[in-house]
Amino acid sequence: MKQIIQNYRSGELKVDDVPVPSLKAGGLLVRTVNSLISAGTERGTVSVAKKSLAGKAKERPDKMKQVIKLYKDTGFVDTFRVVMDRLNTPVPLGYSCAGEIIAIGENINEFQVGEGVACAGGYASHAEVVWVPKNLCVKIPRLKNRTTEPTDNFLPFEEAAFATLGAIAMQGVRQAEIKLGEKVAVIGLGLLGQITMQLLKASGCEVIGADLETKKLEQIGRASCRE
């Protein structure tokens, strides 16, 4: 099958032929119909991968701290080998997709083969077939006709592929424990920021959006920004 992968050492990005993932207990095999390209997260990953080793270390100080700790624990040779192995390991891109279930792991009763699901996390990569744990999958809901009885039509796969972004924004609002009527600032008005603002408005909050791009401010009804 085809999958988009990147070599984190060289920065090379390509569509490669890889084996179809095996079916494991606790998860589903899903034939991908649509996968979401994250303009922010994935572009950042691709950009960092193309930098030198020093550039990578500067961009990811959290990883650098892990390398320093490993060096103190195991020494230079083992640390160098681990780092090079990690950098040379192909990394799949993508974390949100939607598709059709083609196989189900043991002890899973809430899904059926042929159902449409939205998938999240690092398992939901840009690949023709993905294996995803059941707790990172959700059935695609049926559309309802407002004038008649519910139809058998499902939400389009293309739209369902955005489910992960909605879940991330919703979790952020929940974790912040925002209360009705509070003033909330959302810094960064990309797609996640836009969704977060809408959720906060729906929760009865006074929301202030901040972004360096005028266009993004205009999209939320704020036509002015500070240059």
C-alpha atoms as a PDB file:
ATOM      1  CA  MET A   1       0.000   0.000   0.000  1.00  0.00           C
ATOM      2  CA  LYS A   2       1.008   3.664  -0.304  1.00  0.00           C
ATOM      3  CA  GLN A   3       1.934   5.827   2.669  1.00  0.00           C
ATOM      4  CA  ILE A   4       3.471   9.284   3.111  1.00  0.00           C
ATOM      5  CA  ILE A   5       6.648   9.056   5.190  1.00  0.00           C
ATOM      6  CA  GLN A   6       9.568  11.308   6.007  1.00  0.00           C
ATOM      7  CA  ASN A   7      13.192  10.650   6.882  1.00  0.00           C
ATOM      8  CA  TYR A   8      13.747  12.901   9.883  1.00  0.00           C
ATOM      9  CA  ARG A   9      17.499  13.017   9.351  1.00  0.00           C
ATOM     10  CA  SER A  10      17.577  14.116   5.697  1.00  0.00           C
ATOM     11  CA  GLY A  11      14.141  15.717   5.583  1.00  0.00           C
ATOM     12  CA  GLU A  12      13.190  13.653   2.509  1.00  0.00           C
ATOM     13  CA  LEU A  13       9.411  13.383   2.136  1.00  0.00           C
ATOM     14  CA  LYS A  14       7.935  10.740  -0.155  1.00  0.00           C
ATOM     15  CA  VAL A  15       5.059   8.427  -0.938  1.00  0.00           C
ATOM     16  CA  ASP A  16       6.414   4.922  -0.341  1.00  0.00           C
ATOM     17  CA  ASP A  17       5.228   1.339  -0.711  1.00  0.00           C
ATOM     18  CA  VAL A  18       4.870  -0.235   2.728  1.00  0.00           C
ATOM     19  CA  PRO A  19       3.207  -3.406   4.071  1.00  0.00           C
ATOM     20  CA  VAL A  20      -0.446  -3.256   5.086  1.00  0.00           C
ATOM     21  CA  PRO A  21      -0.606  -3.094   8.897  1.00  0.00           C
ATOM     22  CA  SER A  22      -1.554  -6.314  10.632  1.00  0.00           C
ATOM     23  CA  LEU A  23      -4.803  -6.639  12.558  1.00  0.00           C
ATOM     24  CA  LYS A  24      -4.195  -6.559  16.305  1.00  0.00           C
ATOM     25  CA  ALA A  25      -6.509  -7.040  19.249  1.00  0.00           C
ATOM     26  CA  GLY A  26      -8.151  -3.878  20.523  1.00  0.00           C
ATOM     27  CA  GLY A  27      -8.207  -2.077  17.200  1.00  0.00           C
ATOM     28  CA  LEU A  28      -9.612  -1.760  13.699  1.00  0.00           C
ATOM     29  CA  LEU A  29      -8.203  -1.916  10.197  1.00  0.00           C
ATOM     30  CA  VAL A  30      -9.594   1.026   8.251  1.00  0.00           C
ATOM     31  CA  ARG A  31      -9.394   1.699   4.526  1.00  0.00           C
ATOM     32  CA  THR A  32      -8.721   5.411   4.340  1.00  0.00           C
ATOM     33  CA  VAL A  33     -11.035   7.491   2.181  1.00  0.00           C
ATOM     34  CA  ASN A  34      -9.846  10.950   3.303  1.00  0.00           C
ATOM     35  CA  SER A  35      -7.031  12.094   5.556  1.00  0.00           C
ATOM     36  CA  LEU A  36      -6.493  15.590   6.911  1.00  0.00           C
ATOM     37  CA  ILE A  37      -3.374  17.625   6.149  1.00  0.00           C
ATOM     38  CA  SER A  38      -2.580  19.850   9.115  1.00  0.00           C
ATOM     39  CA  ALA A  39      -1.082  23.025   7.672  1.00  0.00           C
ATOM     40  CA  GLY A  40       0.427  23.995  11.020  1.00  0.00           C
ATOM     41  CA  THR A  41       1.553  20.782  12.731  1.00  0.00           C
ATOM     42  CA  GLU A  42       2.708  18.876   9.668  1.00  0.00           C
ATOM     43  CA  ARG A  43       4.339  21.853   7.992  1.00  0.00           C
ATOM     44  CA  GLY A  44       6.271  22.418  11.220  1.00  0.00           C
ATOM     45  CA  THR A  45       7.374  18.780  11.318  1.00  0.00           C
ATOM     46  CA  VAL A  46       8.515  18.875   7.693  1.00  0.00           C
ATOM     47  CA  SER A  47      10.354  22.159   8.262  1.00  0.00           C
ATOM     48  CA  VAL A  48      12.233  20.905  11.335  1.00  0.00           C
ATOM     49  CA  ALA A  49      13.206  17.671   9.570  1.00  0.00           C
ATOM     50  CA  LYS A  50      14.976  19.664   6.845  1.00  0.00           C
ATOM     51  CA  LYS A  51      17.191  21.515   9.338  1.00  0.00           C
ATOM     52  CA  SER A  52      20.706  20.498  10.376  1.00  0.00           C
ATOM     53  CA  LEU A  53      21.266  18.499  13.564  1.00  0.00           C
ATOM     54  CA  ALA A  54      22.002  21.748  15.392  1.00  0.00           C
ATOM     55  CA  GLY A  55      18.849  23.275  13.953  1.00  0.00           C
ATOM     56  CA  LYS A  56      16.773  20.286  15.050  1.00  0.00           C
ATOM     57  CA  ALA A  57      18.194  20.563  18.574  1.00  0.00           C
ATOM     58  CA  LYS A  58      17.358  24.271  18.689  1.00  0.00           C
ATOM     59  CA  GLU A  59      13.793  23.693  17.501  1.00  0.00           C
ATOM     60  CA  ARG A  60      13.158  20.789  19.910  1.00  0.00           C
ATOM     61  CA  PRO A  61      14.785  21.608  23.269  1.00  0.00           C
ATOM     62  CA  ASP A  62      12.579  18.970  24.914  1.00  0.00           C
ATOM     63  CA  LYS A  63      14.185  16.268  22.777  1.00  0.00           C
ATOM     64  CA  MET A  64      17.624  17.720  23.422  1.00  0.00           C
ATOM     65  CA  LYS A  65      17.083  17.341  27.164  1.00  0.00           C
ATOM     66  CA  GLN A  66      16.285  13.659  26.618  1.00  0.00           C
ATOM     67  CA  VAL A  67      19.477  13.230  24.602  1.00  0.00           C
ATOM     68  CA  ILE A  68      21.558  14.893  27.335  1.00  0.00           C
ATOM     69  CA  LYS A  69      20.019  12.637  29.972  1.00  0.00           C
ATOM     70  CA  LEU A  70      20.694   9.563  27.834  1.00  0.00           C
ATOM     71  CA  TYR A  71      24.308  10.704  27.365  1.00  0.00           C
ATOM     72  CA  LYS A  72      24.782  11.004  31.132  1.00  0.00           C
ATOM     73  CA  ASP A  73      23.265   7.557  31.670  1.00  0.00           C
ATOM     74  CA  THR A  74      24.863   5.554  28.842  1.00  0.00           C
ATOM     75  CA  GLY A  75      27.751   7.558  27.371  1.00  0.00           C
ATOM     76  CA  PHE A  76      28.495   9.054  23.962  1.00  0.00           C
ATOM     77  CA  VAL A  77      28.639   5.920  21.785  1.00  0.00           C
ATOM     78  CA  ASP A  78      25.287   4.467  22.840  1.00  0.00           C
ATOM     79  CA  THR A  79      23.645   7.898  22.748  1.00  0.00           C
ATOM     80  CA  PHE A  80      24.951   8.569  19.232  1.00  0.00           C
ATOM     81  CA  ARG A  81      23.682   5.188  18.012  1.00  0.00           C
ATOM     82  CA  VAL A  82      20.225   5.703  19.505  1.00  0.00           C
ATOM     83  CA  VAL A  83      19.918   9.212  18.064  1.00  0.00           C
ATOM     84  CA  MET A  84      21.029   8.140  14.571  1.00  0.00           C
ATOM     85  CA  ASP A  85      18.699   5.142  14.588  1.00  0.00           C
ATOM     86  CA  ARG A  86      15.801   7.388  15.576  1.00  0.00           C
ATOM     87  CA  LEU A  87      16.615   9.980  12.913  1.00  0.00           C
ATOM     88  CA  ASN A  88      16.935   7.329  10.195  1.00  0.00           C
ATOM     89  CA  THR A  89      13.639   5.645  11.054  1.00  0.00           C
ATOM     90  CA  PRO A  90      10.927   6.679   8.547  1.00  0.00           C
ATOM     91  CA  VAL A  91       8.202   8.696  10.248  1.00  0.00           C
ATOM     92  CA  PRO A  92       4.578   8.541   9.017  1.00  0.00           C
ATOM     93  CA  LEU A  93       2.767  11.865   8.766  1.00  0.00           C
ATOM     94  CA  GLY A  94      -0.847  12.593   9.622  1.00  0.00           C
ATOM     95  CA  TYR A  95      -3.074  12.229  12.673  1.00  0.00           C
ATOM     96  CA  SER A  96      -6.664  12.506  11.477  1.00  0.00           C
ATOM     97  CA  CYS A  97      -8.518  10.481   8.847  1.00  0.00           C
ATOM     98  CA  ALA A  98     -11.829   8.881   7.958  1.00  0.00           C
ATOM     99  CA  GLY A  99     -12.584   5.644   6.169  1.00  0.00           C
ATOM    100  CA  GLU A 100     -14.331   2.299   6.089  1.00  0.00           C
ATOM    101  CA  ILE A 101     -13.723  -0.573   8.514  1.00  0.00           C
ATOM    102  CA  ILE A 102     -12.331  -3.629   6.716  1.00  0.00           C
ATOM    103  CA  ALA A 103     -11.397  -5.806   9.732  1.00  0.00           C
ATOM    104  CA  ILE A 104     -12.042  -5.821  13.485  1.00  0.00           C
ATOM    105  CA  GLY A 105      -9.784  -7.052  16.275  1.00  0.00           C
ATOM    106  CA  GLU A 106     -10.778  -9.486  18.986  1.00  0.00           C
ATOM    107  CA  ASN A 107     -13.252  -8.556  21.718  1.00  0.00           C
ATOM    108  CA  ILE A 108     -14.653  -5.521  19.887  1.00  0.00           C
ATOM    109  CA  ASN A 109     -18.433  -5.508  19.590  1.00  0.00           C
ATOM    110  CA  GLU A 110     -19.352  -1.863  19.049  1.00  0.00           C
ATOM    111  CA  PHE A 111     -18.145  -1.687  15.436  1.00  0.00           C
ATOM    112  CA  GLN A 112     -18.990  -3.629  12.284  1.00  0.00           C
ATOM    113  CA  VAL A 113     -17.114  -4.242   9.041  1.00  0.00           C
ATOM    114  CA  GLY A 114     -18.249  -1.744   6.415  1.00  0.00           C
ATOM    115  CA  GLU A 115     -19.069   1.051   8.857  1.00  0.00           C
ATOM    116  CA  GLY A 116     -17.578   4.503   8.348  1.00  0.00           C
ATOM    117  CA  VAL A 117     -15.358   5.833  11.131  1.00  0.00           C
ATOM    118  CA  ALA A 118     -13.305   8.914  11.916  1.00  0.00           C
ATOM    119  CA  CYS A 119      -9.866   8.111  13.368  1.00  0.00           C
ATOM    120  CA  ALA A 120      -7.434  10.139  15.467  1.00  0.00           C
ATOM    121  CA  GLY A 121      -3.863  10.110  16.714  1.00  0.00           C
ATOM    122  CA  GLY A 122      -0.556   9.067  15.223  1.00  0.00           C
ATOM    123  CA  TYR A 123      -2.156   5.857  13.955  1.00  0.00           C
ATOM    124  CA  ALA A 124      -4.445   7.842  11.621  1.00  0.00           C
ATOM    125  CA  SER A 125      -1.706   8.668   9.146  1.00  0.00           C
ATOM    126  CA  HIS A 126      -1.718   9.412   5.421  1.00  0.00           C
ATOM    127  CA  ALA A 127      -1.890   5.775   4.309  1.00  0.00           C
ATOM    128  CA  GLU A 128      -4.240   3.640   2.252  1.00  0.00           C
ATOM    129  CA  VAL A 129      -4.937   1.373   5.243  1.00  0.00           C
ATOM    130  CA  VAL A 130      -4.396   2.150   8.924  1.00  0.00           C
ATOM    131  CA  TRP A 131      -4.694   0.191  12.169  1.00  0.00           C
ATOM    132  CA  VAL A 132      -6.226   2.330  14.902  1.00  0.00           C
ATOM    133  CA  PRO A 133      -7.105   1.457  18.533  1.00  0.00           C
ATOM    134  CA  LYS A 134     -10.858   1.375  19.062  1.00  0.00           C
ATOM    135  CA  ASN A 135     -10.758   4.239  21.593  1.00  0.00           C
ATOM    136  CA  LEU A 136      -9.381   6.509  18.853  1.00  0.00           C
ATOM    137  CA  CYS A 137     -12.211   5.697  16.447  1.00  0.00           C
ATOM    138  CA  VAL A 138     -15.761   7.013  16.332  1.00  0.00           C
ATOM    139  CA  LYS A 139     -18.624   6.085  14.032  1.00  0.00           C
ATOM    140  CA  ILE A 140     -19.481   8.655  11.388  1.00  0.00           C
ATOM    141  CA  PRO A 141     -22.949   9.992  12.260  1.00  0.00           C
ATOM    142  CA  ARG A 142     -25.925   9.893   9.965  1.00  0.00           C
ATOM    143  CA  LEU A 143     -27.188  13.114   8.445  1.00  0.00           C
ATOM    144  CA  LYS A 144     -30.693  14.178   9.390  1.00  0.00           C
ATOM    145  CA  ASN A 145     -33.137  15.693   6.957  1.00  0.00           C
ATOM    146  CA  ARG A 146     -34.809  18.567   8.767  1.00  0.00           C
ATOM    147  CA  THR A 147     -38.096  18.134   6.912  1.00  0.00           C
ATOM    148  CA  THR A 148     -38.509  14.355   6.957  1.00  0.00           C
ATOM    149  CA  GLU A 149     -37.351  11.322   8.856  1.00  0.00           C
ATOM    150  CA  PRO A 150     -33.592  10.701   9.322  1.00  0.00           C
ATOM    151  CA  THR A 151     -31.989   9.485   6.122  1.00  0.00           C
ATOM    152  CA  ASP A 152     -29.476   6.715   5.563  1.00  0.00           C
ATOM    153  CA  ASN A 153     -26.896   9.201   4.321  1.00  0.00           C
ATOM    154  CA  PHE A 154     -23.771   9.632   6.405  1.00  0.00           C
ATOM    155  CA  LEU A 155     -21.615  12.685   6.978  1.00  0.00           C
ATOM    156  CA  PRO A 156     -19.137  12.807   4.056  1.00  0.00           C
ATOM    157  CA  PHE A 157     -15.763  11.199   4.726  1.00  0.00           C
ATOM    158  CA  GLU A 158     -14.086  14.442   3.725  1.00  0.00           C
ATOM    159  CA  GLU A 159     -15.821  16.299   6.558  1.00  0.00           C
ATOM    160  CA  ALA A 160     -15.474  13.439   9.044  1.00  0.00           C
ATOM    161  CA  ALA A 161     -11.687  13.602   8.600  1.00  0.00           C
ATOM    162  CA  PHE A 162     -11.787  16.889  10.560  1.00  0.00           C
ATOM    163  CA  ALA A 163     -13.185  15.197  13.695  1.00  0.00           C
ATOM    164  CA  THR A 164      -9.812  15.133  15.455  1.00  0.00           C
ATOM    165  CA  LEU A 165      -9.452  18.912  15.238  1.00  0.00           C
ATOM    166  CA  GLY A 166     -12.849  19.423  16.807  1.00  0.00           C
ATOM    167  CA  ALA A 167     -11.959  16.993  19.590  1.00  0.00           C
ATOM    168  CA  ILE A 168      -8.656  18.787  20.297  1.00  0.00           C
ATOM    169  CA  ALA A 169     -10.381  22.175  20.526  1.00  0.00           C
ATOM    170  CA  MET A 170     -13.140  20.779  22.726  1.00  0.00           C
ATOM    171  CA  GLN A 171     -10.646  19.127  25.075  1.00  0.00           C
ATOM    172  CA  GLY A 172      -8.742  22.407  25.398  1.00  0.00           C
ATOM    173  CA  VAL A 173     -11.903  24.248  26.429  1.00  0.00           C
ATOM    174  CA  ARG A 174     -12.814  21.510  28.905  1.00  0.00           C
ATOM    175  CA  GLN A 175      -9.345  21.409  30.463  1.00  0.00           C
ATOM    176  CA  ALA A 176      -9.396  25.184  30.943  1.00  0.00           C
ATOM    177  CA  GLU A 177     -12.632  24.784  32.957  1.00  0.00           C
ATOM    178  CA  ILE A 178     -14.093  27.961  31.485  1.00  0.00           C
ATOM    179  CA  LYS A 179     -17.236  29.299  33.181  1.00  0.00           C
ATOM    180  CA  LEU A 180     -20.228  31.099  31.713  1.00  0.00           C
ATOM    181  CA  GLY A 181     -19.578  34.814  31.160  1.00  0.00           C
ATOM    182  CA  GLU A 182     -15.800  34.679  31.576  1.00  0.00           C
ATOM    183  CA  LYS A 183     -13.446  36.586  29.300  1.00  0.00           C
ATOM    184  CA  VAL A 184     -11.122  34.301  27.362  1.00  0.00           C
ATOM    185  CA  ALA A 185      -8.215  35.091  25.028  1.00  0.00           C
ATOM    186  CA  VAL A 186      -7.378  32.726  22.183  1.00  0.00           C
ATOM    187  CA  ILE A 187      -3.864  33.305  20.846  1.00  0.00           C
ATOM    188  CA  GLY A 188      -3.391  32.004  17.329  1.00  0.00           C
ATOM    189  CA  LEU A 189      -6.362  31.855  14.994  1.00  0.00           C
ATOM    190  CA  GLY A 190      -5.576  28.953  12.733  1.00  0.00           C
ATOM    191  CA  LEU A 191      -8.228  26.306  12.260  1.00  0.00           C
ATOM    192  CA  LEU A 192      -7.930  25.067  15.849  1.00  0.00           C
ATOM    193  CA  GLY A 193      -8.102  28.598  17.183  1.00  0.00           C
ATOM    194  CA  GLN A 194     -11.161  29.339  15.057  1.00  0.00           C
ATOM    195  CA  ILE A 195     -12.963  26.230  16.313  1.00  0.00           C
ATOM    196  CA  THR A 196     -11.980  27.027  19.909  1.00  0.00           C
ATOM    197  CA  MET A 197     -13.418  30.531  19.604  1.00  0.00           C
ATOM    198  CA  GLN A 198     -16.723  29.200  18.304  1.00  0.00           C
ATOM    199  CA  LEU A 199     -16.957  26.700  21.157  1.00  0.00           C
ATOM    200  CA  LEU A 200     -16.240  29.434  23.708  1.00  0.00           C
ATOM    201  CA  LYS A 201     -18.841  31.757  22.179  1.00  0.00           C
ATOM    202  CA  ALA A 202     -21.374  28.951  22.278  1.00  0.00           C
ATOM    203  CA  SER A 203     -20.517  28.504  25.976  1.00  0.00           C
ATOM    204  CA  GLY A 204     -21.476  32.100  26.734  1.00  0.00           C
ATOM    205  CA  CYS A 205     -17.963  33.498  27.038  1.00  0.00           C
ATOM    206  CA  GLU A 206     -16.587  36.853  25.905  1.00  0.00           C
ATOM    207  CA  VAL A 207     -13.802  35.828  23.541  1.00  0.00           C
ATOM    208  CA  ILE A 208     -10.805  37.867  22.393  1.00  0.00           C
ATOM    209  CA  GLY A 209      -8.817  36.548  19.434  1.00  0.00           C
ATOM    210  CA  ALA A 210      -5.190  37.443  18.744  1.00  0.00           C
ATOM    211  CA  ASP A 211      -3.161  36.719  15.627  1.00  0.00           C
ATOM    212  CA  LEU A 212      -0.452  38.413  13.555  1.00  0.00           C
ATOM    213  CA  GLU A 213      -2.422  37.959  10.329  1.00  0.00           C
ATOM    214  CA  THR A 214      -5.169  40.473   9.586  1.00  0.00           C
ATOM    215  CA  LYS A 215      -7.024  37.969   7.413  1.00  0.00           C
ATOM    216  CA  LYS A 216      -7.530  35.603  10.326  1.00  0.00           C
ATOM    217  CA  LEU A 217      -8.893  38.399  12.489  1.00  0.00           C
ATOM    218  CA  GLU A 218     -11.334  39.323   9.750  1.00  0.00           C
ATOM    219  CA  GLN A 219     -12.535  35.732   9.584  1.00  0.00           C
ATOM    220  CA  ILE A 220     -13.785  35.995  13.164  1.00  0.00           C
ATOM    221  CA  GLY A 221     -15.373  39.393  12.646  1.00  0.00           C
ATOM    222  CA  ARG A 222     -12.526  41.532  13.910  1.00  0.00           C
ATOM    223  CA  ALA A 223     -11.445  43.629  10.946  1.00  0.00           C
ATOM    224  CA  SER A 224      -8.696  45.540  12.742  1.00  0.00           C
ATOM    225  CA  CYS A 225      -5.353  44.524  14.126  1.00  0.00           C
ATOM    226  CA  ARG A 226      -2.235  46.203  15.463  1.00  0.00           C
ATOM    227  CA  GLU A 227       0.547  46.416  12.880  1.00  0.00           C
END
